Amino acid sequence: MCFTCDHWRKQHEWDKERGEHNWAVVDGHHYVLEDPAPEESPFKGYGGHKVIVKFFDGTVKECSNLWHQGEIHNPYWKNLMPDNAEIEW
């Protein structure tokens, strides 16, 4: 398996463990919604910027620790991991 396919295989498996509303695919980009990082932590997704994630099932979550895993280009993985949300920056 190539590096890229292995990356998306792992993300797909981890999404099952993360839970339904702790990850999102928006315009083909994969994101993970992590719990808020401690205030003193230098490691915060998007620098700790608060975003609102609106899932297509109606669930809305605020997140200040959003991490981007990359854009899903391969049609096989796009089919397995379709868009499921939109983000308000």
N, C-alpha and C. Protein backbone atom coordinates (compact mmCIF):
# COMPACT_ATOMS: atom_id res chain seq x y z
N MET A 1 0.85 -1.17 0.00
CA MET A 1 0.00 0.00 0.00
C MET A 1 0.90 1.24 0.00
N CYS A 2 0.56 2.22 -0.81
CA CYS A 2 1.37 3.44 -0.87
C CYS A 2 1.17 4.28 0.40
N PHE A 3 2.06 5.21 0.61
CA PHE A 3 2.02 6.07 1.79
C PHE A 3 0.68 6.80 1.90
N THR A 4 0.22 7.38 0.79
CA THR A 4 -1.02 8.17 0.81
C THR A 4 -2.23 7.29 1.15
N CYS A 5 -2.33 6.14 0.53
CA CYS A 5 -3.46 5.25 0.82
C CYS A 5 -3.40 4.76 2.27
N ASP A 6 -2.21 4.51 2.76
CA ASP A 6 -2.08 4.10 4.16
C ASP A 6 -2.53 5.22 5.10
N HIS A 7 -2.19 6.45 4.75
CA HIS A 7 -2.62 7.61 5.56
C HIS A 7 -4.15 7.64 5.65
N TRP A 8 -4.84 7.53 4.51
CA TRP A 8 -6.30 7.61 4.52
C TRP A 8 -6.94 6.37 5.12
N ARG A 9 -6.30 5.23 4.95
CA ARG A 9 -6.81 4.02 5.61
C ARG A 9 -6.80 4.21 7.11
N LYS A 10 -5.70 4.74 7.64
CA LYS A 10 -5.60 4.98 9.09
C LYS A 10 -6.63 6.01 9.54
N GLN A 11 -6.77 7.10 8.79
CA GLN A 11 -7.75 8.13 9.18
C GLN A 11 -9.16 7.54 9.21
N HIS A 12 -9.48 6.72 8.22
CA HIS A 12 -10.80 6.10 8.14
C HIS A 12 -11.05 5.20 9.36
N GLU A 13 -10.06 4.41 9.72
CA GLU A 13 -10.18 3.55 10.91
C GLU A 13 -10.27 4.38 12.19
N TRP A 14 -9.43 5.39 12.31
CA TRP A 14 -9.46 6.23 13.51
C TRP A 14 -10.76 7.00 13.63
N ASP A 15 -11.37 7.38 12.50
CA ASP A 15 -12.66 8.09 12.55
C ASP A 15 -13.71 7.23 13.25
N LYS A 16 -13.67 5.94 13.03
CA LYS A 16 -14.61 5.03 13.71
C LYS A 16 -14.42 5.11 15.22
N GLU A 17 -13.16 5.21 15.66
CA GLU A 17 -12.86 5.30 17.09
C GLU A 17 -13.15 6.70 17.63
N ARG A 18 -12.94 7.71 16.82
CA ARG A 18 -13.14 9.10 17.26
C ARG A 18 -14.60 9.38 17.59
N GLY A 19 -15.49 8.75 16.87
CA GLY A 19 -16.91 8.99 17.06
C GLY A 19 -17.46 9.90 15.98
N GLU A 20 -18.75 9.82 15.82
CA GLU A 20 -19.44 10.42 14.68
C GLU A 20 -19.18 11.92 14.48
N HIS A 21 -19.15 12.71 15.52
CA HIS A 21 -19.02 14.16 15.36
C HIS A 21 -17.68 14.69 15.86
N ASN A 22 -16.66 13.87 15.82
CA ASN A 22 -15.32 14.30 16.22
C ASN A 22 -14.38 14.35 15.03
N TRP A 23 -14.92 14.25 13.84
CA TRP A 23 -14.18 14.39 12.59
C TRP A 23 -15.15 14.91 11.54
N ALA A 24 -14.60 15.55 10.53
CA ALA A 24 -15.44 16.10 9.48
C ALA A 24 -14.68 16.08 8.16
N VAL A 25 -15.43 15.94 7.08
CA VAL A 25 -14.88 16.11 5.74
C VAL A 25 -15.65 17.27 5.11
N VAL A 26 -14.90 18.32 4.76
CA VAL A 26 -15.48 19.55 4.23
C VAL A 26 -14.79 19.87 2.90
N ASP A 27 -15.56 19.91 1.83
CA ASP A 27 -15.00 20.16 0.50
C ASP A 27 -13.81 19.25 0.20
N GLY A 28 -13.91 18.01 0.62
CA GLY A 28 -12.87 17.03 0.35
C GLY A 28 -11.67 17.08 1.29
N HIS A 29 -11.71 17.96 2.30
CA HIS A 29 -10.63 18.07 3.28
C HIS A 29 -11.06 17.41 4.58
N HIS A 30 -10.15 16.65 5.17
CA HIS A 30 -10.44 15.91 6.39
C HIS A 30 -9.94 16.67 7.61
N TYR A 31 -10.80 16.79 8.63
CA TYR A 31 -10.47 17.50 9.86
C TYR A 31 -10.80 16.62 11.07
N VAL A 32 -10.07 16.85 12.16
CA VAL A 32 -10.37 16.20 13.44
C VAL A 32 -10.67 17.29 14.45
N LEU A 33 -11.79 17.13 15.16
CA LEU A 33 -12.19 18.06 16.21
C LEU A 33 -11.70 17.50 17.53
N GLU A 34 -10.64 18.09 18.05
CA GLU A 34 -10.06 17.63 19.32
C GLU A 34 -10.66 18.42 20.47
N ASP A 35 -10.54 17.87 21.68
CA ASP A 35 -10.94 18.59 22.87
C ASP A 35 -10.09 19.85 22.99
N PRO A 36 -10.60 20.88 23.66
CA PRO A 36 -9.79 22.10 23.82
C PRO A 36 -8.44 21.78 24.46
N ALA A 37 -7.40 22.39 23.90
CA ALA A 37 -6.05 22.21 24.46
C ALA A 37 -5.92 23.10 25.69
N PRO A 38 -5.08 22.71 26.64
CA PRO A 38 -4.84 23.58 27.80
C PRO A 38 -4.36 24.96 27.34
N GLU A 39 -4.75 25.99 28.06
CA GLU A 39 -4.42 27.37 27.68
C GLU A 39 -2.93 27.56 27.43
N GLU A 40 -2.10 26.92 28.25
CA GLU A 40 -0.65 27.11 28.14
C GLU A 40 -0.02 26.28 27.03
N SER A 41 -0.79 25.41 26.40
CA SER A 41 -0.24 24.54 25.36
C SER A 41 0.10 25.34 24.10
N PRO A 42 1.29 25.12 23.55
CA PRO A 42 1.62 25.77 22.28
C PRO A 42 1.06 25.02 21.07
N PHE A 43 0.49 23.85 21.31
CA PHE A 43 -0.03 23.01 20.23
C PHE A 43 -1.55 23.03 20.22
N LYS A 44 -2.09 23.89 19.37
CA LYS A 44 -3.54 24.00 19.21
C LYS A 44 -3.83 24.03 17.72
N GLY A 45 -4.75 23.18 17.31
CA GLY A 45 -5.11 23.17 15.91
C GLY A 45 -5.60 24.54 15.47
N TYR A 46 -5.14 25.01 14.33
CA TYR A 46 -5.44 26.33 13.79
C TYR A 46 -5.19 27.43 14.82
N GLY A 47 -4.18 27.22 15.66
CA GLY A 47 -3.77 28.23 16.63
C GLY A 47 -4.81 28.50 17.71
N GLY A 48 -5.76 27.58 17.87
CA GLY A 48 -6.79 27.77 18.88
C GLY A 48 -7.97 28.61 18.40
N HIS A 49 -7.98 28.95 17.11
CA HIS A 49 -9.07 29.74 16.53
C HIS A 49 -10.39 28.95 16.64
N LYS A 50 -11.42 29.59 17.14
CA LYS A 50 -12.71 28.90 17.29
C LYS A 50 -13.44 28.84 15.95
N VAL A 51 -13.92 27.65 15.62
CA VAL A 51 -14.72 27.44 14.42
C VAL A 51 -16.02 26.75 14.82
N ILE A 52 -16.99 26.88 13.96
CA ILE A 52 -18.27 26.18 14.14
C ILE A 52 -18.40 25.17 13.02
N VAL A 53 -18.59 23.92 13.40
CA VAL A 53 -18.73 22.83 12.43
C VAL A 53 -20.20 22.42 12.41
N LYS A 54 -20.81 22.53 11.23
CA LYS A 54 -22.20 22.15 11.05
C LYS A 54 -22.25 20.88 10.22
N PHE A 55 -22.66 19.80 10.89
CA PHE A 55 -22.76 18.51 10.22
C PHE A 55 -24.06 18.43 9.45
N PHE A 56 -24.05 17.67 8.38
CA PHE A 56 -25.22 17.56 7.52
C PHE A 56 -26.42 16.92 8.21
N ASP A 57 -26.20 16.22 9.35
CA ASP A 57 -27.32 15.63 10.08
C ASP A 57 -27.96 16.63 11.05
N GLY A 58 -27.49 17.90 11.06
CA GLY A 58 -28.06 18.94 11.91
C GLY A 58 -27.26 19.21 13.18
N THR A 59 -26.30 18.38 13.52
CA THR A 59 -25.47 18.59 14.69
C THR A 59 -24.52 19.76 14.45
N VAL A 60 -24.39 20.63 15.47
CA VAL A 60 -23.49 21.78 15.39
C VAL A 60 -22.52 21.70 16.56
N LYS A 61 -21.22 21.83 16.27
CA LYS A 61 -20.21 21.79 17.33
C LYS A 61 -19.26 22.98 17.18
N GLU A 62 -18.90 23.58 18.33
CA GLU A 62 -17.86 24.58 18.35
C GLU A 62 -16.56 23.87 18.69
N CYS A 63 -15.47 24.32 18.06
CA CYS A 63 -14.19 23.68 18.29
C CYS A 63 -13.08 24.73 18.26
N SER A 64 -12.19 24.68 19.23
CA SER A 64 -11.04 25.58 19.25
C SER A 64 -9.72 24.79 19.16
N ASN A 65 -9.82 23.58 18.65
CA ASN A 65 -8.63 22.74 18.48
C ASN A 65 -8.86 21.82 17.28
N LEU A 66 -9.00 22.44 16.10
CA LEU A 66 -9.32 21.73 14.86
C LEU A 66 -8.03 21.41 14.11
N TRP A 67 -7.88 20.15 13.71
CA TRP A 67 -6.67 19.70 13.01
C TRP A 67 -7.02 19.22 11.61
N HIS A 68 -6.20 19.59 10.65
CA HIS A 68 -6.40 19.26 9.24
C HIS A 68 -5.47 18.12 8.84
N GLN A 69 -6.01 17.05 8.27
CA GLN A 69 -5.19 15.91 7.84
C GLN A 69 -4.85 15.96 6.36
N GLY A 70 -5.48 16.84 5.62
CA GLY A 70 -5.18 16.95 4.20
C GLY A 70 -6.42 16.83 3.33
N GLU A 71 -6.19 17.02 2.05
CA GLU A 71 -7.28 16.89 1.07
C GLU A 71 -7.29 15.47 0.52
N ILE A 72 -8.48 14.91 0.44
CA ILE A 72 -8.66 13.56 -0.08
C ILE A 72 -8.80 13.66 -1.59
N HIS A 73 -7.80 13.21 -2.33
CA HIS A 73 -7.82 13.30 -3.79
C HIS A 73 -8.28 12.00 -4.45
N ASN A 74 -7.89 10.88 -3.91
CA ASN A 74 -8.16 9.59 -4.52
C ASN A 74 -9.65 9.28 -4.51
N PRO A 75 -10.26 8.96 -5.66
CA PRO A 75 -11.70 8.68 -5.72
C PRO A 75 -12.14 7.54 -4.79
N TYR A 76 -11.29 6.55 -4.59
CA TYR A 76 -11.65 5.45 -3.69
C TYR A 76 -11.90 5.97 -2.28
N TRP A 77 -10.98 6.79 -1.77
CA TRP A 77 -11.12 7.30 -0.40
C TRP A 77 -12.19 8.37 -0.32
N LYS A 78 -12.36 9.16 -1.39
CA LYS A 78 -13.43 10.17 -1.40
C LYS A 78 -14.80 9.49 -1.30
N ASN A 79 -14.93 8.32 -1.93
CA ASN A 79 -16.19 7.58 -1.87
C ASN A 79 -16.44 7.05 -0.45
N LEU A 80 -15.37 6.58 0.22
CA LEU A 80 -15.51 6.06 1.58
C LEU A 80 -15.66 7.17 2.62
N MET A 81 -15.12 8.36 2.31
CA MET A 81 -15.10 9.46 3.26
C MET A 81 -15.68 10.72 2.60
N PRO A 82 -16.99 10.71 2.29
CA PRO A 82 -17.58 11.86 1.59
C PRO A 82 -17.77 13.05 2.55
N ASP A 83 -18.00 14.21 1.97
CA ASP A 83 -18.29 15.39 2.78
C ASP A 83 -19.44 15.10 3.73
N ASN A 84 -19.29 15.55 4.99
CA ASN A 84 -20.35 15.35 5.97
C ASN A 84 -20.62 16.61 6.79
N ALA A 85 -19.96 17.73 6.44
CA ALA A 85 -20.13 18.95 7.24
C ALA A 85 -19.67 20.17 6.46
N GLU A 86 -19.90 21.33 7.06
CA GLU A 86 -19.35 22.58 6.59
C GLU A 86 -18.79 23.32 7.80
N ILE A 87 -17.84 24.20 7.57
CA ILE A 87 -17.19 24.92 8.67
C ILE A 87 -17.41 26.41 8.49
N GLU A 88 -17.77 27.07 9.58
CA GLU A 88 -17.84 28.53 9.61
C GLU A 88 -16.57 29.01 10.29
N TRP A 89 -15.73 29.68 9.52
CA TRP A 89 -14.47 30.19 10.05
C TRP A 89 -14.75 31.51 10.69
